[in-house]
């Protein structure tokens, strides 16, 4: 839930910054067009994953290791780092301008990043359920046990957000 709020806040800030830039420059934005809902949601998701991915390295011991179930204990810390790196890579894939992909001769990374983040979010439900079942809390998320029972219920909404922002869910139709 807090991640969903973070994505929404960052999306709103991206949309407002784009509108402010357009108003100040009397233009349509730095890319030649203004952000639409999908672009603002993409920026919100990308920046949120960049922040949380970085946080996996800054608070690995205190915030993320307690979320790992015991049957992963042998690889717990590498899993925390791997998921953090995956979140950061996915964020870059979402935010990388398509023209850069074309200029470098790369395939469009946005859809691939969105699909990979969607799969990652499916697996992260395991950690969320583990915390709820254990009845424990996580440093930095002082919401109480109810929060950890609600988190898995919001995961499909976060996944849908990412898939929509990446252009996988309800893709844009080519113009006439």
C-alpha atoms as a PDB file:
ATOM      1  CA  UNK A   1       0.000   0.000   0.000  1.00  0.00           C
ATOM      2  CA  UNK A   2       2.778   2.416   0.845  1.00  0.00           C
ATOM      3  CA  UNK A   3       4.452   1.526  -2.470  1.00  0.00           C
ATOM      4  CA  UNK A   4       1.212   2.241  -4.311  1.00  0.00           C
ATOM      5  CA  UNK A   5       0.990   5.588  -2.536  1.00  0.00           C
ATOM      6  CA  UNK A   6       4.630   6.309  -3.421  1.00  0.00           C
ATOM      7  CA  UNK A   7       3.992   5.524  -7.103  1.00  0.00           C
ATOM      8  CA  UNK A   8       0.899   7.742  -7.130  1.00  0.00           C
ATOM      9  CA  UNK A   9       2.730  10.615  -5.420  1.00  0.00           C
ATOM     10  CA  UNK A  10       5.683  10.420  -7.816  1.00  0.00           C
ATOM     11  CA  UNK A  11       3.363  10.156 -10.826  1.00  0.00           C
ATOM     12  CA  UNK A  12       1.485  13.270  -9.673  1.00  0.00           C
ATOM     13  CA  UNK A  13       4.785  15.115  -9.146  1.00  0.00           C
ATOM     14  CA  UNK A  14       5.996  14.115 -12.637  1.00  0.00           C
ATOM     15  CA  UNK A  15       2.719  15.292 -14.171  1.00  0.00           C
ATOM     16  CA  UNK A  16       2.858  18.603 -12.245  1.00  0.00           C
ATOM     17  CA  UNK A  17       6.522  19.162 -13.143  1.00  0.00           C
ATOM     18  CA  UNK A  18       5.711  18.585 -16.823  1.00  0.00           C
ATOM     19  CA  UNK A  19       2.815  21.053 -16.660  1.00  0.00           C
ATOM     20  CA  UNK A  20       4.946  23.627 -14.835  1.00  0.00           C
ATOM     21  CA  UNK A  21       7.758  23.274 -17.369  1.00  0.00           C
ATOM     22  CA  UNK A  22       5.293  23.668 -20.242  1.00  0.00           C
ATOM     23  CA  UNK A  23       3.758  26.753 -18.612  1.00  0.00           C
ATOM     24  CA  UNK A  24       7.124  28.375 -17.933  1.00  0.00           C
ATOM     25  CA  UNK A  25       8.491  27.701 -21.408  1.00  0.00           C
ATOM     26  CA  UNK A  26       5.177  28.150 -23.221  1.00  0.00           C
ATOM     27  CA  UNK A  27       5.922  24.813 -24.807  1.00  0.00           C
ATOM     28  CA  UNK A  28       4.731  21.280 -24.645  1.00  0.00           C
ATOM     29  CA  UNK A  29       7.524  19.799 -22.572  1.00  0.00           C
ATOM     30  CA  UNK A  30      11.138  18.748 -23.068  1.00  0.00           C
ATOM     31  CA  UNK A  31      10.190  15.818 -25.336  1.00  0.00           C
ATOM     32  CA  UNK A  32       7.999  17.837 -27.673  1.00  0.00           C
ATOM     33  CA  UNK A  33       4.770  16.612 -26.076  1.00  0.00           C
ATOM     34  CA  UNK A  34       3.165  16.684 -22.672  1.00  0.00           C
ATOM     35  CA  UNK A  35       2.959  13.732 -20.324  1.00  0.00           C
ATOM     36  CA  UNK A  36      -0.248  11.774 -20.587  1.00  0.00           C
ATOM     37  CA  UNK A  37      -1.631   9.510 -17.855  1.00  0.00           C
ATOM     38  CA  UNK A  38       0.417   6.481 -18.977  1.00  0.00           C
ATOM     39  CA  UNK A  39       3.658   8.487 -19.057  1.00  0.00           C
ATOM     40  CA  UNK A  40       3.019   9.988 -15.621  1.00  0.00           C
ATOM     41  CA  UNK A  41       2.273   6.508 -14.251  1.00  0.00           C
ATOM     42  CA  UNK A  42       5.461   5.197 -15.892  1.00  0.00           C
ATOM     43  CA  UNK A  43       7.502   7.921 -14.228  1.00  0.00           C
ATOM     44  CA  UNK A  44       5.804   7.225 -10.905  1.00  0.00           C
ATOM     45  CA  UNK A  45       6.516   3.500 -11.106  1.00  0.00           C
ATOM     46  CA  UNK A  46      10.057   3.971 -12.416  1.00  0.00           C
ATOM     47  CA  UNK A  47      11.061   6.446  -9.734  1.00  0.00           C
ATOM     48  CA  UNK A  48       9.396   4.367  -6.999  1.00  0.00           C
ATOM     49  CA  UNK A  49      11.282   1.227  -8.081  1.00  0.00           C
ATOM     50  CA  UNK A  50      14.513   3.207  -8.298  1.00  0.00           C
ATOM     51  CA  UNK A  51      14.025   4.417  -4.722  1.00  0.00           C
ATOM     52  CA  UNK A  52      13.017   1.062  -3.264  1.00  0.00           C
ATOM     53  CA  UNK A  53      15.700  -0.782  -5.224  1.00  0.00           C
ATOM     54  CA  UNK A  54      18.321   1.539  -3.769  1.00  0.00           C
ATOM     55  CA  UNK A  55      16.777   1.055  -0.334  1.00  0.00           C
ATOM     56  CA  UNK A  56      17.435  -2.713  -0.625  1.00  0.00           C
ATOM     57  CA  UNK A  57      21.147  -1.913  -0.421  1.00  0.00           C
ATOM     58  CA  UNK A  58      20.898   0.795   2.245  1.00  0.00           C
ATOM     59  CA  UNK A  59      18.661  -1.141   4.678  1.00  0.00           C
ATOM     60  CA  UNK A  60      19.287  -4.727   3.659  1.00  0.00           C
ATOM     61  CA  UNK A  61      19.815  -6.028   7.213  1.00  0.00           C
ATOM     62  CA  UNK A  62      17.100  -4.101   9.022  1.00  0.00           C
ATOM     63  CA  UNK A  63      14.234  -3.799   6.561  1.00  0.00           C
ATOM     64  CA  UNK A  64      14.514  -6.578   4.003  1.00  0.00           C
ATOM     65  CA  UNK A  65      16.199  -9.575   5.650  1.00  0.00           C
ATOM     66  CA  UNK A  66      13.370  -9.940   8.215  1.00  0.00           C
ATOM     67  CA  UNK A  67      10.939 -10.301   5.314  1.00  0.00           C
ATOM     68  CA  UNK A  68      12.717 -13.346   3.841  1.00  0.00           C
ATOM     69  CA  UNK A  69      11.151 -16.713   4.800  1.00  0.00           C
ATOM     70  CA  UNK A  70      13.384 -19.185   6.645  1.00  0.00           C
ATOM     71  CA  UNK A  71      13.536 -21.638   3.737  1.00  0.00           C
ATOM     72  CA  UNK A  72      15.486 -18.984   1.804  1.00  0.00           C
ATOM     73  CA  UNK A  73      17.828 -18.250   4.739  1.00  0.00           C
ATOM     74  CA  UNK A  74      20.954 -19.647   3.058  1.00  0.00           C
ATOM     75  CA  UNK A  75      20.600 -17.113   0.247  1.00  0.00           C
ATOM     76  CA  UNK A  76      18.694 -14.379   2.091  1.00  0.00           C
ATOM     77  CA  UNK A  77      21.119 -11.477   1.702  1.00  0.00           C
ATOM     78  CA  UNK A  78      21.935 -12.206  -1.962  1.00  0.00           C
ATOM     79  CA  UNK A  79      18.174 -12.413  -2.613  1.00  0.00           C
ATOM     80  CA  UNK A  80      17.677  -8.988  -1.040  1.00  0.00           C
ATOM     81  CA  UNK A  81      20.431  -7.558  -3.211  1.00  0.00           C
ATOM     82  CA  UNK A  82      19.185  -9.367  -6.317  1.00  0.00           C
ATOM     83  CA  UNK A  83      15.654  -8.031  -5.897  1.00  0.00           C
ATOM     84  CA  UNK A  84      17.026  -4.542  -5.260  1.00  0.00           C
ATOM     85  CA  UNK A  85      19.156  -4.709  -8.409  1.00  0.00           C
ATOM     86  CA  UNK A  86      16.182  -6.091 -10.373  1.00  0.00           C
ATOM     87  CA  UNK A  87      13.995  -3.211  -9.187  1.00  0.00           C
ATOM     88  CA  UNK A  88      16.629  -0.685 -10.214  1.00  0.00           C
ATOM     89  CA  UNK A  89      17.169  -2.338 -13.619  1.00  0.00           C
ATOM     90  CA  UNK A  90      13.415  -2.445 -14.190  1.00  0.00           C
ATOM     91  CA  UNK A  91      13.142   1.224 -13.259  1.00  0.00           C
ATOM     92  CA  UNK A  92      15.829   2.150 -15.769  1.00  0.00           C
ATOM     93  CA  UNK A  93      14.079   0.058 -18.411  1.00  0.00           C
ATOM     94  CA  UNK A  94      10.811   1.887 -17.752  1.00  0.00           C
ATOM     95  CA  UNK A  95      12.388   5.333 -17.781  1.00  0.00           C
ATOM     96  CA  UNK A  96      14.885   4.975 -20.627  1.00  0.00           C
ATOM     97  CA  UNK A  97      13.609   7.058 -23.566  1.00  0.00           C
ATOM     98  CA  UNK A  98      12.575   4.928 -26.534  1.00  0.00           C
ATOM     99  CA  UNK A  99      14.691   7.062 -28.860  1.00  0.00           C
ATOM    100  CA  UNK A 100      17.799   6.018 -26.881  1.00  0.00           C
ATOM    101  CA  UNK A 101      16.896   2.370 -27.447  1.00  0.00           C
ATOM    102  CA  UNK A 102      16.594   3.047 -31.171  1.00  0.00           C
ATOM    103  CA  UNK A 103      19.834   5.072 -31.299  1.00  0.00           C
ATOM    104  CA  UNK A 104      21.762   2.277 -29.564  1.00  0.00           C
ATOM    105  CA  UNK A 105      20.163  -0.390 -31.726  1.00  0.00           C
ATOM    106  CA  UNK A 106      18.525  -1.979 -28.688  1.00  0.00           C
ATOM    107  CA  UNK A 107      15.046  -3.419 -28.613  1.00  0.00           C
ATOM    108  CA  UNK A 108      12.423  -1.384 -26.777  1.00  0.00           C
ATOM    109  CA  UNK A 109      13.143  -2.126 -23.119  1.00  0.00           C
ATOM    110  CA  UNK A 110       9.982  -0.625 -21.668  1.00  0.00           C
ATOM    111  CA  UNK A 111       7.725  -3.633 -22.205  1.00  0.00           C
ATOM    112  CA  UNK A 112      10.440  -6.098 -21.170  1.00  0.00           C
ATOM    113  CA  UNK A 113      11.117  -4.118 -17.992  1.00  0.00           C
ATOM    114  CA  UNK A 114       7.406  -3.914 -17.203  1.00  0.00           C
ATOM    115  CA  UNK A 115       6.905  -7.668 -17.702  1.00  0.00           C
ATOM    116  CA  UNK A 116       9.944  -8.495 -15.552  1.00  0.00           C
ATOM    117  CA  UNK A 117       8.810  -6.139 -12.797  1.00  0.00           C
ATOM    118  CA  UNK A 118       5.358  -7.746 -12.928  1.00  0.00           C
ATOM    119  CA  UNK A 119       6.905 -11.189 -12.408  1.00  0.00           C
ATOM    120  CA  UNK A 120       9.101  -9.853  -9.605  1.00  0.00           C
ATOM    121  CA  UNK A 121       6.056  -8.364  -7.878  1.00  0.00           C
ATOM    122  CA  UNK A 122       4.346 -11.765  -8.037  1.00  0.00           C
ATOM    123  CA  UNK A 123       7.273 -13.344  -6.216  1.00  0.00           C
ATOM    124  CA  UNK A 124       7.475 -10.545  -3.647  1.00  0.00           C
ATOM    125  CA  UNK A 125       4.031 -11.547  -2.399  1.00  0.00           C
ATOM    126  CA  UNK A 126       5.856 -14.428  -0.658  1.00  0.00           C
ATOM    127  CA  UNK A 127       7.785 -11.957   1.516  1.00  0.00           C
ATOM    128  CA  UNK A 128       4.663  -9.929   2.259  1.00  0.00           C
ATOM    129  CA  UNK A 129       2.698 -13.004   3.326  1.00  0.00           C
ATOM    130  CA  UNK A 130       5.646 -14.245   5.407  1.00  0.00           C
ATOM    131  CA  UNK A 131       5.711 -11.009   7.423  1.00  0.00           C
ATOM    132  CA  UNK A 132       1.937 -11.161   7.927  1.00  0.00           C
ATOM    133  CA  UNK A 133       1.964 -14.816   9.040  1.00  0.00           C
ATOM    134  CA  UNK A 134       4.896 -14.220  11.392  1.00  0.00           C
ATOM    135  CA  UNK A 135       3.036 -11.302  12.936  1.00  0.00           C
ATOM    136  CA  UNK A 136       6.234  -9.306  12.853  1.00  0.00           C
ATOM    137  CA  UNK A 137       6.961  -5.798  11.732  1.00  0.00           C
ATOM    138  CA  UNK A 138       9.566  -4.309   9.454  1.00  0.00           C
ATOM    139  CA  UNK A 139      11.712  -1.325  10.322  1.00  0.00           C
ATOM    140  CA  UNK A 140      10.529   1.689   8.355  1.00  0.00           C
ATOM    141  CA  UNK A 141       6.989   0.334   7.949  1.00  0.00           C
ATOM    142  CA  UNK A 142       5.444   0.947  11.388  1.00  0.00           C
ATOM    143  CA  UNK A 143       1.843   0.402  10.335  1.00  0.00           C
ATOM    144  CA  UNK A 144       0.948  -2.626  12.430  1.00  0.00           C
ATOM    145  CA  UNK A 145       0.113  -6.194  11.499  1.00  0.00           C
ATOM    146  CA  UNK A 146      -3.050  -5.226   9.592  1.00  0.00           C
ATOM    147  CA  UNK A 147      -0.866  -3.498   7.010  1.00  0.00           C
ATOM    148  CA  UNK A 148       1.007  -6.692   6.167  1.00  0.00           C
ATOM    149  CA  UNK A 149      -2.259  -8.602   5.721  1.00  0.00           C
ATOM    150  CA  UNK A 150      -3.538  -5.919   3.319  1.00  0.00           C
ATOM    151  CA  UNK A 151      -0.341  -5.613   1.285  1.00  0.00           C
ATOM    152  CA  UNK A 152      -0.837  -8.812  -0.751  1.00  0.00           C
ATOM    153  CA  UNK A 153      -4.338  -7.678  -1.663  1.00  0.00           C
ATOM    154  CA  UNK A 154      -2.929  -4.522  -3.272  1.00  0.00           C
ATOM    155  CA  UNK A 155      -0.197  -6.356  -5.196  1.00  0.00           C
ATOM    156  CA  UNK A 156      -2.447  -7.040  -8.244  1.00  0.00           C
ATOM    157  CA  UNK A 157      -3.194  -3.316  -8.458  1.00  0.00           C
ATOM    158  CA  UNK A 158       0.518  -2.490  -8.387  1.00  0.00           C
ATOM    159  CA  UNK A 159       1.169  -5.141 -11.047  1.00  0.00           C
ATOM    160  CA  UNK A 160      -1.616  -3.725 -13.237  1.00  0.00           C
ATOM    161  CA  UNK A 161      -0.162  -0.216 -12.767  1.00  0.00           C
ATOM    162  CA  UNK A 162       3.282  -1.371 -13.943  1.00  0.00           C
ATOM    163  CA  UNK A 163       1.892  -3.347 -16.895  1.00  0.00           C
ATOM    164  CA  UNK A 164      -0.248  -0.393 -17.988  1.00  0.00           C
ATOM    165  CA  UNK A 165       2.629   2.075 -17.584  1.00  0.00           C
ATOM    166  CA  UNK A 166       4.916  -0.186 -19.648  1.00  0.00           C
ATOM    167  CA  UNK A 167       2.358  -0.377 -22.439  1.00  0.00           C
ATOM    168  CA  UNK A 168       1.590  -4.078 -21.982  1.00  0.00           C
ATOM    169  CA  UNK A 169      -1.877  -3.735 -20.493  1.00  0.00           C
ATOM    170  CA  UNK A 170      -4.175  -1.743 -22.819  1.00  0.00           C
ATOM    171  CA  UNK A 171      -1.415  -0.782 -25.274  1.00  0.00           C
ATOM    172  CA  UNK A 172      -1.684   2.450 -27.228  1.00  0.00           C
ATOM    173  CA  UNK A 173      -3.359   2.076 -30.565  1.00  0.00           C
ATOM    174  CA  UNK A 174      -1.445   3.404 -33.572  1.00  0.00           C
ATOM    175  CA  UNK A 175      -2.777   6.666 -34.886  1.00  0.00           C
ATOM    176  CA  UNK A 176      -4.641   6.977 -38.198  1.00  0.00           C
END
